[in-house]
Amino acid sequence: MAKLVYKGKINGNDVIYKDSCINYHLEGGNRMNLMEVVTETGKEFRFWVYSCPYFIQDCLEENKSYVHDDSVSKVVIKEKGKDTLNYNSKKAGDRTVEGKRTKLFIEKANKMYNEIRRGVLKDLIEKPKDKKLESLLVTDQQIKEEVEDAFNTDPKIYGLRLYRDDTKKFIKFFSKIDKNKKKGLLNEIFSCDYENKEVIDWLNNNEQDLLREAGFNS
């Protein structure tokens, strides 16, 4: 079965839900469901479900309007200015204060997660033209590229990526590297097809000497 992701708004919450992902962990079955929720108040929830025999994708393929409830394996709650809360269902049976607390948190997590999950299914059924599940299938080549990218330490490649994707981080990075690396990165920048006007303006205003030395017109 394909691994799929839903992105949308359920009951005012921003939701990212990943259905039937491959589970490389040892906690449970072969598949898992993941959910990230950001509420209107800015509170963030993350849910992991490691044992999940019922998937939204199955319901859509079989034209069913109801998906069975999952049991949350782990929940993490983040709120600005407060400690992060982290609870694992494995500890819910402990006969301790922390075990009792975990049990209550997991019960609440199950209720919230499954209500939102049912909302995801309803949204997909009622608005098929506006909402869709995007495929998360990954090829061997994509995995290889991901690994290579993670271990790549070439400042030119890294800087060029920042130049394309993040102006502020590019400027911070460029300001820290030495002159020779700056020249090498400039060569990459001015030979690529993409133009980041904000970066070019910053270079013209702050690195004019370097641009002249490298042979570029400001």
C-alpha atoms as a PDB file:
ATOM      1  CA  MET A   1       0.000   0.000   0.000  1.00  0.00           C
ATOM      2  CA  ALA A   2       1.215   3.492  -0.798  1.00  0.00           C
ATOM      3  CA  LYS A   3       2.414   5.866   1.851  1.00  0.00           C
ATOM      4  CA  LEU A   4       0.292   9.020   1.648  1.00  0.00           C
ATOM      5  CA  VAL A   5       0.093  12.426   3.288  1.00  0.00           C
ATOM      6  CA  TYR A   6      -2.813  14.804   3.898  1.00  0.00           C
ATOM      7  CA  LYS A   7      -2.356  18.532   4.511  1.00  0.00           C
ATOM      8  CA  GLY A   8      -5.320  20.673   5.488  1.00  0.00           C
ATOM      9  CA  LYS A   9      -7.298  22.373   8.229  1.00  0.00           C
ATOM     10  CA  ILE A  10      -9.573  20.392  10.566  1.00  0.00           C
ATOM     11  CA  ASN A  11     -11.703  22.246  13.154  1.00  0.00           C
ATOM     12  CA  GLY A  12      -9.378  25.245  12.946  1.00  0.00           C
ATOM     13  CA  ASN A  13      -6.236  23.146  13.377  1.00  0.00           C
ATOM     14  CA  ASP A  14      -3.478  22.934  10.780  1.00  0.00           C
ATOM     15  CA  VAL A  15      -2.999  19.211  10.191  1.00  0.00           C
ATOM     16  CA  ILE A  16      -0.396  17.073   8.466  1.00  0.00           C
ATOM     17  CA  TYR A  17      -1.371  13.404   8.510  1.00  0.00           C
ATOM     18  CA  LYS A  18       0.761  10.594   7.068  1.00  0.00           C
ATOM     19  CA  ASP A  19      -1.148   7.396   6.412  1.00  0.00           C
ATOM     20  CA  SER A  20       0.424   3.933   6.255  1.00  0.00           C
ATOM     21  CA  CYS A  21       4.096   4.878   6.466  1.00  0.00           C
ATOM     22  CA  ILE A  22       6.769   2.185   6.569  1.00  0.00           C
ATOM     23  CA  ASN A  23       7.803   1.625  10.188  1.00  0.00           C
ATOM     24  CA  TYR A  24      11.525   1.074  10.647  1.00  0.00           C
ATOM     25  CA  HIS A  25      11.186   1.139  14.445  1.00  0.00           C
ATOM     26  CA  LEU A  26      10.918  -1.882  16.670  1.00  0.00           C
ATOM     27  CA  GLU A  27       7.888  -0.743  18.663  1.00  0.00           C
ATOM     28  CA  GLY A  28       5.186  -2.331  16.535  1.00  0.00           C
ATOM     29  CA  GLY A  29       3.918  -3.462  13.170  1.00  0.00           C
ATOM     30  CA  ASN A  30       5.096  -2.942   9.639  1.00  0.00           C
ATOM     31  CA  ARG A  31       3.227   0.331   9.145  1.00  0.00           C
ATOM     32  CA  MET A  32       2.585   3.442  11.175  1.00  0.00           C
ATOM     33  CA  ASN A  33       0.445   6.567  11.042  1.00  0.00           C
ATOM     34  CA  LEU A  34       1.854   9.987  11.949  1.00  0.00           C
ATOM     35  CA  MET A  35       0.062  13.240  12.675  1.00  0.00           C
ATOM     36  CA  GLU A  36       1.247  16.797  13.332  1.00  0.00           C
ATOM     37  CA  VAL A  37      -1.264  19.370  14.594  1.00  0.00           C
ATOM     38  CA  VAL A  38      -0.871  23.103  15.216  1.00  0.00           C
ATOM     39  CA  THR A  39      -3.857  24.625  17.001  1.00  0.00           C
ATOM     40  CA  GLU A  40      -5.228  28.149  16.646  1.00  0.00           C
ATOM     41  CA  THR A  41      -3.461  28.989  19.919  1.00  0.00           C
ATOM     42  CA  GLY A  42      -0.092  27.892  18.522  1.00  0.00           C
ATOM     43  CA  LYS A  43       0.171  24.704  20.586  1.00  0.00           C
ATOM     44  CA  GLU A  44       1.805  21.832  18.680  1.00  0.00           C
ATOM     45  CA  PHE A  45       0.920  18.152  18.941  1.00  0.00           C
ATOM     46  CA  ARG A  46       2.676  15.185  17.381  1.00  0.00           C
ATOM     47  CA  PHE A  47       1.189  11.714  17.419  1.00  0.00           C
ATOM     48  CA  TRP A  48       2.790   8.369  16.560  1.00  0.00           C
ATOM     49  CA  VAL A  49       0.727   5.213  15.989  1.00  0.00           C
ATOM     50  CA  TYR A  50       2.916   2.131  15.549  1.00  0.00           C
ATOM     51  CA  SER A  51       0.206  -0.517  15.433  1.00  0.00           C
ATOM     52  CA  CYS A  52      -2.427   0.556  12.919  1.00  0.00           C
ATOM     53  CA  PRO A  53      -4.405  -2.047  10.950  1.00  0.00           C
ATOM     54  CA  TYR A  54      -6.927   0.506   9.672  1.00  0.00           C
ATOM     55  CA  PHE A  55      -5.919   3.120   7.107  1.00  0.00           C
ATOM     56  CA  ILE A  56      -7.726   6.063   5.523  1.00  0.00           C
ATOM     57  CA  GLN A  57      -6.450   4.983   2.130  1.00  0.00           C
ATOM     58  CA  ASP A  58      -8.318   1.671   2.520  1.00  0.00           C
ATOM     59  CA  CYS A  59     -11.549   3.532   3.297  1.00  0.00           C
ATOM     60  CA  LEU A  60     -11.198   5.719   0.214  1.00  0.00           C
ATOM     61  CA  GLU A  61     -10.477   2.754  -2.063  1.00  0.00           C
ATOM     62  CA  GLU A  62     -13.404   0.765  -0.637  1.00  0.00           C
ATOM     63  CA  ASN A  63     -15.724   3.827  -0.592  1.00  0.00           C
ATOM     64  CA  LYS A  64     -16.239   3.684   3.168  1.00  0.00           C
ATOM     65  CA  SER A  65     -17.090   6.768   5.210  1.00  0.00           C
ATOM     66  CA  TYR A  66     -15.786   5.461   8.543  1.00  0.00           C
ATOM     67  CA  VAL A  67     -12.277   4.637   9.678  1.00  0.00           C
ATOM     68  CA  HIS A  68     -11.680   2.599  12.835  1.00  0.00           C
ATOM     69  CA  ASP A  69      -9.924   4.320  15.713  1.00  0.00           C
ATOM     70  CA  ASP A  70      -6.169   4.029  16.185  1.00  0.00           C
ATOM     71  CA  SER A  71      -4.404   3.750  19.534  1.00  0.00           C
ATOM     72  CA  VAL A  72      -1.749   6.414  19.972  1.00  0.00           C
ATOM     73  CA  SER A  73       1.660   4.997  20.857  1.00  0.00           C
ATOM     74  CA  LYS A  74       3.369   8.297  21.618  1.00  0.00           C
ATOM     75  CA  VAL A  75       2.382  11.949  21.946  1.00  0.00           C
ATOM     76  CA  VAL A  76       4.578  15.062  22.169  1.00  0.00           C
ATOM     77  CA  ILE A  77       3.089  18.440  23.094  1.00  0.00           C
ATOM     78  CA  LYS A  78       4.926  21.719  22.613  1.00  0.00           C
ATOM     79  CA  GLU A  79       3.824  25.144  23.809  1.00  0.00           C
ATOM     80  CA  LYS A  80       5.892  28.319  23.748  1.00  0.00           C
ATOM     81  CA  GLY A  81       7.298  29.165  27.159  1.00  0.00           C
ATOM     82  CA  LYS A  82       6.563  25.724  28.631  1.00  0.00           C
ATOM     83  CA  ASP A  83       8.427  22.434  28.909  1.00  0.00           C
ATOM     84  CA  THR A  84       7.802  19.917  26.147  1.00  0.00           C
ATOM     85  CA  LEU A  85       5.534  17.052  27.234  1.00  0.00           C
ATOM     86  CA  ASN A  86       6.390  13.565  25.995  1.00  0.00           C
ATOM     87  CA  TYR A  87       4.330  10.463  26.820  1.00  0.00           C
ATOM     88  CA  ASN A  88       4.633   6.864  25.620  1.00  0.00           C
ATOM     89  CA  SER A  89       1.752   4.409  25.939  1.00  0.00           C
ATOM     90  CA  LYS A  90       4.168   1.709  27.130  1.00  0.00           C
ATOM     91  CA  LYS A  91       4.343   3.468  30.493  1.00  0.00           C
ATOM     92  CA  ALA A  92       0.582   3.918  30.850  1.00  0.00           C
ATOM     93  CA  GLY A  93       0.283   0.684  32.837  1.00  0.00           C
ATOM     94  CA  ASP A  94       2.904   1.569  35.445  1.00  0.00           C
ATOM     95  CA  ARG A  95       1.441   1.698  38.958  1.00  0.00           C
ATOM     96  CA  THR A  96       3.154   4.978  39.704  1.00  0.00           C
ATOM     97  CA  VAL A  97       2.171   8.642  39.661  1.00  0.00           C
ATOM     98  CA  GLU A  98       3.906   9.014  36.299  1.00  0.00           C
ATOM     99  CA  GLY A  99       2.109   5.914  35.027  1.00  0.00           C
ATOM    100  CA  LYS A 100      -1.254   7.368  35.998  1.00  0.00           C
ATOM    101  CA  ARG A 101      -0.362  10.672  34.381  1.00  0.00           C
ATOM    102  CA  THR A 102       0.749   8.896  31.200  1.00  0.00           C
ATOM    103  CA  LYS A 103      -2.512   6.915  31.071  1.00  0.00           C
ATOM    104  CA  LEU A 104      -4.592  10.099  31.182  1.00  0.00           C
ATOM    105  CA  PHE A 105      -2.431  11.839  28.589  1.00  0.00           C
ATOM    106  CA  ILE A 106      -2.646   8.873  26.206  1.00  0.00           C
ATOM    107  CA  GLU A 107      -6.426   8.699  26.645  1.00  0.00           C
ATOM    108  CA  LYS A 108      -6.736  12.382  25.722  1.00  0.00           C
ATOM    109  CA  ALA A 109      -4.288  11.897  22.860  1.00  0.00           C
ATOM    110  CA  ASN A 110      -6.362   9.027  21.481  1.00  0.00           C
ATOM    111  CA  LYS A 111      -9.511  11.138  21.555  1.00  0.00           C
ATOM    112  CA  MET A 112      -7.924  14.164  19.858  1.00  0.00           C
ATOM    113  CA  TYR A 113      -6.023  12.144  17.272  1.00  0.00           C
ATOM    114  CA  ASN A 114      -9.001  10.031  16.216  1.00  0.00           C
ATOM    115  CA  GLU A 115     -11.402  12.989  16.055  1.00  0.00           C
ATOM    116  CA  ILE A 116      -9.011  14.782  13.723  1.00  0.00           C
ATOM    117  CA  ARG A 117      -8.370  11.620  11.726  1.00  0.00           C
ATOM    118  CA  ARG A 118     -12.086  11.151  11.133  1.00  0.00           C
ATOM    119  CA  GLY A 119     -12.194  14.801  10.071  1.00  0.00           C
ATOM    120  CA  VAL A 120      -9.431  14.124   7.557  1.00  0.00           C
ATOM    121  CA  LEU A 121     -11.410  11.282   6.016  1.00  0.00           C
ATOM    122  CA  LYS A 122     -14.577  13.392   5.902  1.00  0.00           C
ATOM    123  CA  ASP A 123     -12.699  16.240   4.241  1.00  0.00           C
ATOM    124  CA  LEU A 124     -11.272  13.903   1.607  1.00  0.00           C
ATOM    125  CA  ILE A 125     -14.687  12.425   0.859  1.00  0.00           C
ATOM    126  CA  GLU A 126     -16.631  15.709   0.777  1.00  0.00           C
ATOM    127  CA  LYS A 127     -14.033  17.778  -1.092  1.00  0.00           C
ATOM    128  CA  PRO A 128     -12.302  15.367  -3.465  1.00  0.00           C
ATOM    129  CA  LYS A 129     -11.500  18.133  -5.954  1.00  0.00           C
ATOM    130  CA  ASP A 130      -9.936  20.417  -3.358  1.00  0.00           C
ATOM    131  CA  LYS A 131      -8.184  17.870  -1.154  1.00  0.00           C
ATOM    132  CA  LYS A 132      -5.982  14.963  -2.052  1.00  0.00           C
ATOM    133  CA  LEU A 133      -3.478  12.592  -0.559  1.00  0.00           C
ATOM    134  CA  GLU A 134       0.012  13.158  -1.953  1.00  0.00           C
ATOM    135  CA  SER A 135       2.202  10.152  -2.595  1.00  0.00           C
ATOM    136  CA  LEU A 136       5.214   9.721  -0.320  1.00  0.00           C
ATOM    137  CA  LEU A 137       6.646   6.812  -2.273  1.00  0.00           C
ATOM    138  CA  VAL A 138      10.427   7.168  -2.332  1.00  0.00           C
ATOM    139  CA  THR A 139      12.728   5.651  -4.951  1.00  0.00           C
ATOM    140  CA  ASP A 140      16.141   4.152  -4.233  1.00  0.00           C
ATOM    141  CA  GLN A 141      17.720   7.033  -6.135  1.00  0.00           C
ATOM    142  CA  GLN A 142      15.927   9.592  -3.974  1.00  0.00           C
ATOM    143  CA  ILE A 143      17.135   7.832  -0.832  1.00  0.00           C
ATOM    144  CA  LYS A 144      20.684   7.814  -2.180  1.00  0.00           C
ATOM    145  CA  GLU A 145      20.487  11.535  -2.966  1.00  0.00           C
ATOM    146  CA  GLU A 146      19.080  12.215   0.506  1.00  0.00           C
ATOM    147  CA  VAL A 147      22.009  10.395   2.132  1.00  0.00           C
ATOM    148  CA  GLU A 148      24.573  12.150  -0.067  1.00  0.00           C
ATOM    149  CA  ASP A 149      22.995  15.500   0.745  1.00  0.00           C
ATOM    150  CA  ALA A 150      23.061  14.802   4.489  1.00  0.00           C
ATOM    151  CA  PHE A 151      26.817  14.107   4.410  1.00  0.00           C
ATOM    152  CA  ASN A 152      27.736  16.813   1.918  1.00  0.00           C
ATOM    153  CA  THR A 153      30.082  19.418   3.436  1.00  0.00           C
ATOM    154  CA  ASP A 154      31.010  21.299   0.251  1.00  0.00           C
ATOM    155  CA  PRO A 155      30.478  25.006   1.034  1.00  0.00           C
ATOM    156  CA  LYS A 156      29.756  25.812  -2.618  1.00  0.00           C
ATOM    157  CA  ILE A 157      26.914  23.300  -2.862  1.00  0.00           C
ATOM    158  CA  TYR A 158      25.570  24.248   0.561  1.00  0.00           C
ATOM    159  CA  GLY A 159      25.821  27.968  -0.182  1.00  0.00           C
ATOM    160  CA  LEU A 160      24.127  27.587  -3.554  1.00  0.00           C
ATOM    161  CA  ARG A 161      21.217  25.788  -1.899  1.00  0.00           C
ATOM    162  CA  LEU A 162      20.860  28.635   0.612  1.00  0.00           C
ATOM    163  CA  TYR A 163      21.074  31.135  -2.231  1.00  0.00           C
ATOM    164  CA  ARG A 164      18.067  29.460  -3.820  1.00  0.00           C
ATOM    165  CA  ASP A 165      16.026  28.756  -0.686  1.00  0.00           C
ATOM    166  CA  ASP A 166      16.919  31.042   2.241  1.00  0.00           C
ATOM    167  CA  THR A 167      18.281  34.572   1.800  1.00  0.00           C
ATOM    168  CA  LYS A 168      18.902  35.267   5.501  1.00  0.00           C
ATOM    169  CA  LYS A 169      20.788  32.010   6.076  1.00  0.00           C
ATOM    170  CA  PHE A 170      22.792  32.592   2.906  1.00  0.00           C
ATOM    171  CA  ILE A 171      23.942  36.033   4.056  1.00  0.00           C
ATOM    172  CA  LYS A 172      24.880  34.654   7.480  1.00  0.00           C
ATOM    173  CA  PHE A 173      26.785  31.748   5.923  1.00  0.00           C
ATOM    174  CA  PHE A 174      28.504  33.879   3.278  1.00  0.00           C
ATOM    175  CA  SER A 175      29.666  36.377   5.896  1.00  0.00           C
ATOM    176  CA  LYS A 176      31.484  33.645   7.837  1.00  0.00           C
ATOM    177  CA  ILE A 177      33.433  31.808   5.102  1.00  0.00           C
ATOM    178  CA  ASP A 178      36.889  32.885   3.936  1.00  0.00           C
ATOM    179  CA  LYS A 179      37.599  34.921   0.804  1.00  0.00           C
ATOM    180  CA  ASN A 180      38.622  32.031  -1.458  1.00  0.00           C
ATOM    181  CA  LYS A 181      35.455  30.103  -0.601  1.00  0.00           C
ATOM    182  CA  LYS A 182      33.423  33.244  -1.194  1.00  0.00           C
ATOM    183  CA  LYS A 183      34.928  33.581  -4.686  1.00  0.00           C
ATOM    184  CA  GLY A 184      34.177  29.952  -5.466  1.00  0.00           C
ATOM    185  CA  LEU A 185      30.591  30.359  -4.304  1.00  0.00           C
ATOM    186  CA  LEU A 186      30.183  33.553  -6.330  1.00  0.00           C
ATOM    187  CA  ASN A 187      31.244  31.661  -9.448  1.00  0.00           C
ATOM    188  CA  GLU A 188      28.552  29.080  -8.761  1.00  0.00           C
ATOM    189  CA  ILE A 189      25.932  31.751  -8.116  1.00  0.00           C
ATOM    190  CA  PHE A 190      26.581  33.806 -11.231  1.00  0.00           C
ATOM    191  CA  SER A 191      26.724  30.767 -13.489  1.00  0.00           C
ATOM    192  CA  CYS A 192      23.398  29.293 -12.344  1.00  0.00           C
ATOM    193  CA  ASP A 193      20.071  30.056 -14.006  1.00  0.00           C
ATOM    194  CA  TYR A 194      18.298  31.199 -10.828  1.00  0.00           C
ATOM    195  CA  GLU A 195      18.567  34.810  -9.627  1.00  0.00           C
ATOM    196  CA  ASN A 196      17.946  35.779  -6.020  1.00  0.00           C
ATOM    197  CA  LYS A 197      17.538  39.551  -6.291  1.00  0.00           C
ATOM    198  CA  GLU A 198      17.749  40.078  -2.522  1.00  0.00           C
ATOM    199  CA  VAL A 199      21.111  38.332  -2.356  1.00  0.00           C
ATOM    200  CA  ILE A 200      22.439  40.148  -5.431  1.00  0.00           C
ATOM    201  CA  ASP A 201      21.441  43.508  -3.938  1.00  0.00           C
ATOM    202  CA  TRP A 202      23.097  42.553  -0.637  1.00  0.00           C
ATOM    203  CA  LEU A 203      26.308  41.548  -2.427  1.00  0.00           C
ATOM    204  CA  ASN A 204      26.350  44.823  -4.375  1.00  0.00           C
ATOM    205  CA  ASN A 205      25.884  46.804  -1.157  1.00  0.00           C
ATOM    206  CA  ASN A 206      28.222  44.838   1.110  1.00  0.00           C
ATOM    207  CA  GLU A 207      30.761  42.958  -1.008  1.00  0.00           C
ATOM    208  CA  GLN A 208      31.639  45.373  -3.807  1.00  0.00           C
ATOM    209  CA  ASP A 209      35.408  44.952  -3.366  1.00  0.00           C
ATOM    210  CA  LEU A 210      35.095  41.189  -3.510  1.00  0.00           C
ATOM    211  CA  LEU A 211      32.860  41.367  -6.587  1.00  0.00           C
ATOM    212  CA  ARG A 212      35.380  43.583  -8.398  1.00  0.00           C
ATOM    213  CA  GLU A 213      38.244  41.337  -7.336  1.00  0.00           C
ATOM    214  CA  ALA A 214      36.392  38.266  -8.562  1.00  0.00           C
ATOM    215  CA  GLY A 215      35.707  39.969 -11.877  1.00  0.00           C
ATOM    216  CA  PHE A 216      31.979  40.542 -11.528  1.00  0.00           C
ATOM    217  CA  ASN A 217      30.272  43.828 -12.348  1.00  0.00           C
ATOM    218  CA  SER A 218      28.245  45.295  -9.492  1.00  0.00           C
END
